[in-house]
Amino acid sequence: MRLRQSGSSEDWARFVDTYSGLVCYWARKLGVADQDVDDFAQDVFSLLVRELPAFRYDSARRFRAWLWSVVRNRRRENLRKKSVPLDVPYGSGSRAFGAQYHSGRDS
């Protein structure tokens, strides 16, 4: 892959032009909101800047299959980051809620 070898801005621009439509299409299919698609694609391409040097061509697999796995994994990571962790230790929440809940069940 020429991009991995040269890293020139011209090759990178050609790469982005070639694959940005596909990355955006996949992003929408994975549930990225329309207003967030461009930011998501930029995030994927910034990841690819780091990952492409390690990419090894395998004639048994298509590059698009590898790219799809990068896009899908980035989406999964974004969803994990957006999920709200339940960091509140048991018993430190509202006593009123707990008392109300337990009194309703015990009655």
C-alpha atoms as a PDB file:
ATOM      1  CA  MET A   1       0.000   0.000   0.000  1.00  0.00           C
ATOM      2  CA  ARG A   2       1.584   3.207  -1.207  1.00  0.00           C
ATOM      3  CA  LEU A   3       0.131   5.359   1.568  1.00  0.00           C
ATOM      4  CA  ARG A   4       1.809   3.264   4.219  1.00  0.00           C
ATOM      5  CA  GLN A   5       5.155   3.506   2.451  1.00  0.00           C
ATOM      6  CA  SER A   6       5.267   7.178   1.422  1.00  0.00           C
ATOM      7  CA  GLY A   7       2.905   8.919   3.825  1.00  0.00           C
ATOM      8  CA  SER A   8       2.749  11.929   1.529  1.00  0.00           C
ATOM      9  CA  SER A   9      -0.079  14.411   1.972  1.00  0.00           C
ATOM     10  CA  GLU A  10      -1.109  13.856  -1.653  1.00  0.00           C
ATOM     11  CA  ASP A  11      -1.465  10.102  -1.107  1.00  0.00           C
ATOM     12  CA  TRP A  12      -3.335  10.715   2.152  1.00  0.00           C
ATOM     13  CA  ALA A  13      -5.752  13.119   0.444  1.00  0.00           C
ATOM     14  CA  ARG A  14      -6.392  10.523  -2.275  1.00  0.00           C
ATOM     15  CA  PHE A  15      -7.000   7.874   0.396  1.00  0.00           C
ATOM     16  CA  VAL A  16      -9.480  10.090   2.277  1.00  0.00           C
ATOM     17  CA  ASP A  17     -11.269  10.996  -0.967  1.00  0.00           C
ATOM     18  CA  THR A  18     -11.500   7.317  -1.888  1.00  0.00           C
ATOM     19  CA  TYR A  19     -12.776   6.006   1.432  1.00  0.00           C
ATOM     20  CA  SER A  20     -14.569   8.878   3.194  1.00  0.00           C
ATOM     21  CA  GLY A  21     -17.893   8.156   1.476  1.00  0.00           C
ATOM     22  CA  LEU A  22     -17.714   4.524   2.507  1.00  0.00           C
ATOM     23  CA  VAL A  23     -16.728   5.351   6.095  1.00  0.00           C
ATOM     24  CA  CYS A  24     -19.637   7.822   6.352  1.00  0.00           C
ATOM     25  CA  TYR A  25     -22.043   5.280   4.852  1.00  0.00           C
ATOM     26  CA  TRP A  26     -20.953   2.641   7.351  1.00  0.00           C
ATOM     27  CA  ALA A  27     -21.185   5.166  10.196  1.00  0.00           C
ATOM     28  CA  ARG A  28     -24.825   5.847   9.353  1.00  0.00           C
ATOM     29  CA  LYS A  29     -25.521   2.107   9.120  1.00  0.00           C
ATOM     30  CA  LEU A  30     -24.006   1.715  12.589  1.00  0.00           C
ATOM     31  CA  GLY A  31     -26.359   4.351  13.998  1.00  0.00           C
ATOM     32  CA  VAL A  32     -24.169   7.446  14.073  1.00  0.00           C
ATOM     33  CA  ALA A  33     -26.463  10.493  13.961  1.00  0.00           C
ATOM     34  CA  ASP A  34     -26.303  12.523  10.745  1.00  0.00           C
ATOM     35  CA  GLN A  35     -24.915  15.557  12.558  1.00  0.00           C
ATOM     36  CA  ASP A  36     -22.089  13.415  14.014  1.00  0.00           C
ATOM     37  CA  VAL A  37     -21.068  11.456  10.903  1.00  0.00           C
ATOM     38  CA  ASP A  38     -18.333  13.856   9.777  1.00  0.00           C
ATOM     39  CA  ASP A  39     -16.790  13.969  13.257  1.00  0.00           C
ATOM     40  CA  PHE A  40     -16.932  10.185  13.481  1.00  0.00           C
ATOM     41  CA  ALA A  41     -15.255   9.814  10.069  1.00  0.00           C
ATOM     42  CA  GLN A  42     -12.538  12.247  11.109  1.00  0.00           C
ATOM     43  CA  ASP A  43     -12.009  10.194  14.259  1.00  0.00           C
ATOM     44  CA  VAL A  44     -11.669   7.029  12.151  1.00  0.00           C
ATOM     45  CA  PHE A  45      -9.167   8.661   9.797  1.00  0.00           C
ATOM     46  CA  SER A  46      -7.098   9.974  12.701  1.00  0.00           C
ATOM     47  CA  LEU A  47      -7.005   6.427  14.052  1.00  0.00           C
ATOM     48  CA  LEU A  48      -5.953   5.155  10.633  1.00  0.00           C
ATOM     49  CA  VAL A  49      -2.974   7.540  10.635  1.00  0.00           C
ATOM     50  CA  ARG A  50      -1.696   5.526  13.598  1.00  0.00           C
ATOM     51  CA  GLU A  51      -2.874   2.081  12.465  1.00  0.00           C
ATOM     52  CA  LEU A  52      -1.938   2.030   8.771  1.00  0.00           C
ATOM     53  CA  PRO A  53       1.807   1.655   9.360  1.00  0.00           C
ATOM     54  CA  ALA A  54       1.081  -1.640  11.154  1.00  0.00           C
ATOM     55  CA  PHE A  55      -1.322  -2.855   8.450  1.00  0.00           C
ATOM     56  CA  ARG A  56      -0.042  -5.915   6.590  1.00  0.00           C
ATOM     57  CA  TYR A  57      -1.653  -6.782   3.298  1.00  0.00           C
ATOM     58  CA  ASP A  58      -3.168 -10.258   3.208  1.00  0.00           C
ATOM     59  CA  SER A  59      -4.222 -11.441  -0.238  1.00  0.00           C
ATOM     60  CA  ALA A  60      -6.848 -13.669   1.400  1.00  0.00           C
ATOM     61  CA  ARG A  61      -8.623 -10.607   2.863  1.00  0.00           C
ATOM     62  CA  ARG A  62      -9.772  -7.398   1.280  1.00  0.00           C
ATOM     63  CA  PHE A  63      -8.604  -4.036   2.587  1.00  0.00           C
ATOM     64  CA  ARG A  64     -12.231  -2.970   2.908  1.00  0.00           C
ATOM     65  CA  ALA A  65     -12.855  -5.845   5.317  1.00  0.00           C
ATOM     66  CA  TRP A  66     -10.059  -4.554   7.535  1.00  0.00           C
ATOM     67  CA  LEU A  67     -11.358  -0.990   7.218  1.00  0.00           C
ATOM     68  CA  TRP A  68     -14.863  -2.176   8.127  1.00  0.00           C
ATOM     69  CA  SER A  69     -13.494  -3.790  11.283  1.00  0.00           C
ATOM     70  CA  VAL A  70     -11.710  -0.532  12.211  1.00  0.00           C
ATOM     71  CA  VAL A  71     -14.931   1.477  11.705  1.00  0.00           C
ATOM     72  CA  ARG A  72     -17.072  -1.025  13.596  1.00  0.00           C
ATOM     73  CA  ASN A  73     -14.640  -1.222  16.513  1.00  0.00           C
ATOM     74  CA  ARG A  74     -14.379   2.570  16.712  1.00  0.00           C
ATOM     75  CA  ARG A  75     -18.184   2.781  16.881  1.00  0.00           C
ATOM     76  CA  ARG A  76     -18.269   0.197  19.656  1.00  0.00           C
ATOM     77  CA  GLU A  77     -15.641   2.140  21.569  1.00  0.00           C
ATOM     78  CA  ASN A  78     -17.598   5.385  21.150  1.00  0.00           C
ATOM     79  CA  LEU A  79     -20.755   3.704  22.423  1.00  0.00           C
ATOM     80  CA  ARG A  80     -18.904   2.341  25.448  1.00  0.00           C
ATOM     81  CA  LYS A  81     -17.576   5.814  26.241  1.00  0.00           C
ATOM     82  CA  LYS A  82     -21.068   7.304  26.010  1.00  0.00           C
ATOM     83  CA  SER A  83     -22.675   4.766  28.316  1.00  0.00           C
ATOM     84  CA  VAL A  84     -23.282   6.052  31.812  1.00  0.00           C
ATOM     85  CA  PRO A  85     -21.305   4.048  34.327  1.00  0.00           C
ATOM     86  CA  LEU A  86     -22.982   3.126  37.569  1.00  0.00           C
ATOM     87  CA  ASP A  87     -20.198   4.343  39.841  1.00  0.00           C
ATOM     88  CA  VAL A  88     -22.420   4.946  42.852  1.00  0.00           C
ATOM     89  CA  PRO A  89     -21.630   2.328  45.493  1.00  0.00           C
ATOM     90  CA  TYR A  90     -24.594   0.425  46.876  1.00  0.00           C
ATOM     91  CA  GLY A  91     -26.087   2.208  49.850  1.00  0.00           C
ATOM     92  CA  SER A  92     -24.780   5.678  49.030  1.00  0.00           C
ATOM     93  CA  GLY A  93     -27.815   6.700  47.009  1.00  0.00           C
ATOM     94  CA  SER A  94     -30.930   8.423  48.219  1.00  0.00           C
ATOM     95  CA  ARG A  95     -32.106   6.916  51.488  1.00  0.00           C
ATOM     96  CA  ALA A  96     -35.582   8.232  50.800  1.00  0.00           C
ATOM     97  CA  PHE A  97     -35.768   6.215  47.575  1.00  0.00           C
ATOM     98  CA  GLY A  98     -34.469   3.092  49.291  1.00  0.00           C
ATOM     99  CA  ALA A  99     -36.863   3.484  52.190  1.00  0.00           C
ATOM    100  CA  GLN A 100     -39.763   4.089  49.829  1.00  0.00           C
ATOM    101  CA  TYR A 101     -38.825   1.096  47.682  1.00  0.00           C
ATOM    102  CA  HIS A 102     -38.434  -1.270  50.598  1.00  0.00           C
ATOM    103  CA  SER A 103     -41.527  -0.087  52.452  1.00  0.00           C
ATOM    104  CA  GLY A 104     -43.567  -0.631  49.273  1.00  0.00           C
ATOM    105  CA  ARG A 105     -42.320  -4.193  48.862  1.00  0.00           C
ATOM    106  CA  ASP A 106     -42.625  -5.168  52.497  1.00  0.00           C
ATOM    107  CA  SER A 107     -46.230  -3.981  52.887  1.00  0.00           C
END
